[in-house]
N, C-alpha and C. Protein backbone atom coordinates (compact mmCIF):
# COMPACT_ATOMS: atom_id res chain seq x y z
N MET A 1 81.55 83.78 107.17
CA MET A 1 82.77 84.05 106.44
C MET A 1 83.46 82.73 106.13
N ASN A 2 83.95 82.62 104.92
CA ASN A 2 84.65 81.42 104.49
C ASN A 2 86.15 81.62 104.74
N ARG A 3 86.56 81.29 105.96
CA ARG A 3 87.95 81.54 106.39
C ARG A 3 88.97 80.84 105.49
N ALA A 4 88.67 79.59 105.12
CA ALA A 4 89.61 78.83 104.28
C ALA A 4 89.81 79.52 102.93
N TRP A 5 88.73 80.03 102.33
CA TRP A 5 88.85 80.73 101.04
C TRP A 5 89.71 81.97 101.20
N HIS A 6 89.47 82.74 102.27
CA HIS A 6 90.24 83.96 102.50
C HIS A 6 91.72 83.66 102.70
N GLU A 7 92.04 82.58 103.38
CA GLU A 7 93.44 82.23 103.61
C GLU A 7 94.14 81.85 102.30
N ARG A 8 93.42 81.23 101.37
CA ARG A 8 94.00 80.82 100.09
C ARG A 8 93.98 81.92 99.05
N HIS A 9 93.16 82.94 99.23
CA HIS A 9 92.99 84.00 98.22
C HIS A 9 93.20 85.38 98.83
N VAL A 10 94.45 85.71 99.08
CA VAL A 10 94.78 87.01 99.65
C VAL A 10 94.94 88.02 98.52
N LEU A 11 94.23 89.13 98.63
CA LEU A 11 94.33 90.18 97.63
C LEU A 11 95.56 91.04 97.94
N PRO A 12 96.54 91.08 97.04
CA PRO A 12 97.75 91.88 97.30
C PRO A 12 97.43 93.37 97.40
N ARG A 13 98.18 94.07 98.24
CA ARG A 13 98.00 95.52 98.38
C ARG A 13 98.26 96.25 97.07
N THR A 14 99.10 95.70 96.24
CA THR A 14 99.47 96.34 94.97
C THR A 14 98.69 95.78 93.79
N ALA A 15 97.53 95.20 94.05
CA ALA A 15 96.74 94.58 92.99
C ALA A 15 96.28 95.62 91.97
N THR A 16 96.29 95.22 90.71
CA THR A 16 95.80 96.10 89.65
C THR A 16 94.27 96.13 89.70
N LEU A 17 93.67 97.03 88.94
CA LEU A 17 92.22 97.12 88.89
C LEU A 17 91.62 95.79 88.41
N ASP A 18 92.20 95.20 87.37
CA ASP A 18 91.70 93.92 86.86
C ASP A 18 91.80 92.82 87.92
N GLU A 19 92.90 92.78 88.66
CA GLU A 19 93.07 91.78 89.72
C GLU A 19 92.04 91.99 90.82
N ARG A 20 91.79 93.23 91.19
CA ARG A 20 90.79 93.54 92.21
C ARG A 20 89.39 93.10 91.76
N ILE A 21 89.05 93.38 90.52
CA ILE A 21 87.74 92.99 90.00
C ILE A 21 87.59 91.47 90.03
N ARG A 22 88.61 90.76 89.53
CA ARG A 22 88.55 89.29 89.53
C ARG A 22 88.44 88.74 90.95
N TRP A 23 89.21 89.32 91.89
CA TRP A 23 89.18 88.85 93.28
C TRP A 23 87.79 89.05 93.88
N HIS A 24 87.23 90.23 93.70
CA HIS A 24 85.93 90.52 94.30
C HIS A 24 84.81 89.69 93.67
N ARG A 25 84.89 89.44 92.38
CA ARG A 25 83.89 88.57 91.75
C ARG A 25 83.98 87.16 92.30
N ALA A 26 85.20 86.63 92.42
CA ALA A 26 85.40 85.29 92.99
C ALA A 26 84.94 85.27 94.45
N HIS A 27 85.21 86.35 95.17
CA HIS A 27 84.82 86.45 96.57
C HIS A 27 83.31 86.39 96.73
N GLN A 28 82.58 87.06 95.87
CA GLN A 28 81.12 87.02 95.94
C GLN A 28 80.59 85.62 95.71
N GLU A 29 81.24 84.87 94.83
CA GLU A 29 80.81 83.50 94.56
C GLU A 29 81.14 82.55 95.71
N ALA A 30 82.33 82.72 96.31
CA ALA A 30 82.81 81.77 97.31
C ALA A 30 82.42 82.13 98.73
N CYS A 31 82.27 83.40 99.02
CA CYS A 31 82.08 83.80 100.41
C CYS A 31 81.00 84.87 100.54
N GLY A 32 81.24 86.03 99.98
CA GLY A 32 80.26 87.10 100.05
C GLY A 32 80.06 87.65 101.44
N CYS A 33 81.09 87.62 102.28
CA CYS A 33 80.95 88.08 103.66
C CYS A 33 80.80 89.59 103.75
N ARG A 34 81.09 90.29 102.67
CA ARG A 34 80.89 91.74 102.64
C ARG A 34 80.66 92.14 101.19
N PRO A 35 80.00 93.29 101.00
CA PRO A 35 79.72 93.72 99.63
C PRO A 35 80.97 94.24 98.93
N ILE A 36 80.92 94.30 97.62
CA ILE A 36 81.99 94.89 96.83
C ILE A 36 82.02 96.38 97.16
N PRO A 37 83.20 96.97 97.37
CA PRO A 37 83.26 98.40 97.66
C PRO A 37 82.56 99.21 96.56
N ALA A 38 81.82 100.23 96.97
CA ALA A 38 81.04 101.02 96.02
C ALA A 38 81.92 101.62 94.92
N SER A 39 83.12 102.07 95.28
CA SER A 39 84.01 102.68 94.29
C SER A 39 84.42 101.67 93.22
N LEU A 40 84.64 100.43 93.62
CA LEU A 40 85.02 99.38 92.67
C LEU A 40 83.80 98.92 91.87
N GLU A 41 82.67 98.79 92.54
CA GLU A 41 81.46 98.36 91.86
C GLU A 41 81.07 99.35 90.76
N ALA A 42 81.27 100.63 91.02
CA ALA A 42 80.96 101.65 90.01
C ALA A 42 81.85 101.48 88.78
N ARG A 43 83.09 101.10 89.00
CA ARG A 43 84.01 100.90 87.87
C ARG A 43 83.72 99.60 87.13
N MET A 44 83.11 98.64 87.83
CA MET A 44 82.77 97.36 87.22
C MET A 44 81.52 97.49 86.35
N GLY A 45 80.65 98.42 86.67
CA GLY A 45 79.43 98.61 85.90
C GLY A 45 78.33 97.67 86.34
N ALA A 46 77.35 97.53 85.51
CA ALA A 46 76.17 96.72 85.83
C ALA A 46 76.48 95.24 85.91
N ALA A 47 77.62 94.81 85.42
CA ALA A 47 77.97 93.39 85.42
C ALA A 47 78.41 92.90 86.80
N ALA A 48 78.53 93.81 87.77
CA ALA A 48 78.98 93.42 89.10
C ALA A 48 77.95 92.52 89.77
N PRO A 49 78.39 91.38 90.31
CA PRO A 49 77.44 90.48 90.98
C PRO A 49 76.95 91.08 92.28
N ARG A 50 75.76 90.77 92.67
CA ARG A 50 75.18 91.23 93.92
C ARG A 50 75.43 90.17 94.99
N PRO A 51 75.61 90.58 96.25
CA PRO A 51 75.83 89.61 97.32
C PRO A 51 74.66 88.65 97.44
N LYS A 52 74.96 87.39 97.75
CA LYS A 52 73.93 86.38 97.91
C LYS A 52 73.59 86.18 99.38
N THR A 53 74.28 86.87 100.26
CA THR A 53 74.10 86.69 101.70
C THR A 53 73.35 87.86 102.29
N GLY A 54 73.21 87.88 103.58
CA GLY A 54 72.51 88.94 104.28
C GLY A 54 73.37 90.15 104.57
N VAL A 55 74.45 90.33 103.85
CA VAL A 55 75.33 91.47 104.06
C VAL A 55 74.71 92.70 103.40
N ALA A 56 74.61 93.77 104.14
CA ALA A 56 73.99 94.99 103.61
C ALA A 56 75.06 95.92 103.07
N ALA A 57 74.73 96.57 101.98
CA ALA A 57 75.59 97.62 101.46
C ALA A 57 75.37 98.84 102.34
N LYS A 58 76.27 99.80 102.29
CA LYS A 58 76.15 100.99 103.12
C LYS A 58 74.79 101.65 102.92
N GLY A 59 74.11 101.88 104.03
CA GLY A 59 72.84 102.59 103.97
C GLY A 59 71.65 101.77 103.52
N LYS A 60 71.82 100.47 103.32
CA LYS A 60 70.72 99.63 102.86
C LYS A 60 70.50 98.50 103.85
N ALA A 61 69.26 98.08 104.00
CA ALA A 61 68.92 97.00 104.93
C ALA A 61 69.39 95.66 104.39
N ALA A 62 69.84 94.81 105.27
CA ALA A 62 70.28 93.46 104.88
C ALA A 62 69.06 92.59 104.64
N THR A 63 69.18 91.68 103.69
CA THR A 63 68.12 90.71 103.44
C THR A 63 68.75 89.33 103.43
N PRO A 64 68.06 88.33 103.98
CA PRO A 64 68.59 86.97 103.93
C PRO A 64 68.49 86.41 102.52
N ALA A 65 69.02 85.21 102.31
CA ALA A 65 69.07 84.62 100.98
C ALA A 65 67.70 84.53 100.33
N GLY A 66 66.62 84.40 101.10
CA GLY A 66 65.28 84.33 100.56
C GLY A 66 64.76 85.65 100.02
N GLY A 67 65.46 86.74 100.32
CA GLY A 67 65.09 88.03 99.78
C GLY A 67 64.15 88.84 100.65
N ARG A 68 63.67 88.28 101.78
CA ARG A 68 62.78 89.03 102.64
C ARG A 68 63.59 89.75 103.69
N PRO A 69 63.27 90.99 104.03
CA PRO A 69 64.03 91.74 105.03
C PRO A 69 64.00 91.06 106.40
N LYS A 70 65.09 91.26 107.15
CA LYS A 70 65.13 90.73 108.50
C LYS A 70 64.16 91.51 109.37
N ARG A 71 63.53 90.83 110.28
CA ARG A 71 62.58 91.47 111.19
C ARG A 71 63.33 92.09 112.34
N ARG A 72 63.04 93.35 112.62
CA ARG A 72 63.67 94.03 113.76
C ARG A 72 62.93 93.69 115.04
N THR A 73 63.69 93.44 116.10
CA THR A 73 63.06 93.10 117.36
C THR A 73 63.30 94.16 118.39
């Protein structure tokens, strides 16, 4: 998690849809500690960026940056 980025970029509780989309897109570029919420991603359409980290979306296995699944031990 990029703590410094999160401290400088707080998403207001009253953010508009456009503000939320911009925040989440910037978040994916700078941190990506969690995926974009499915409800917001659906409203963003196919243009929504995919996480670059090993964070898994609900119900999906996490993969590291290289794209290969993590090995279960």
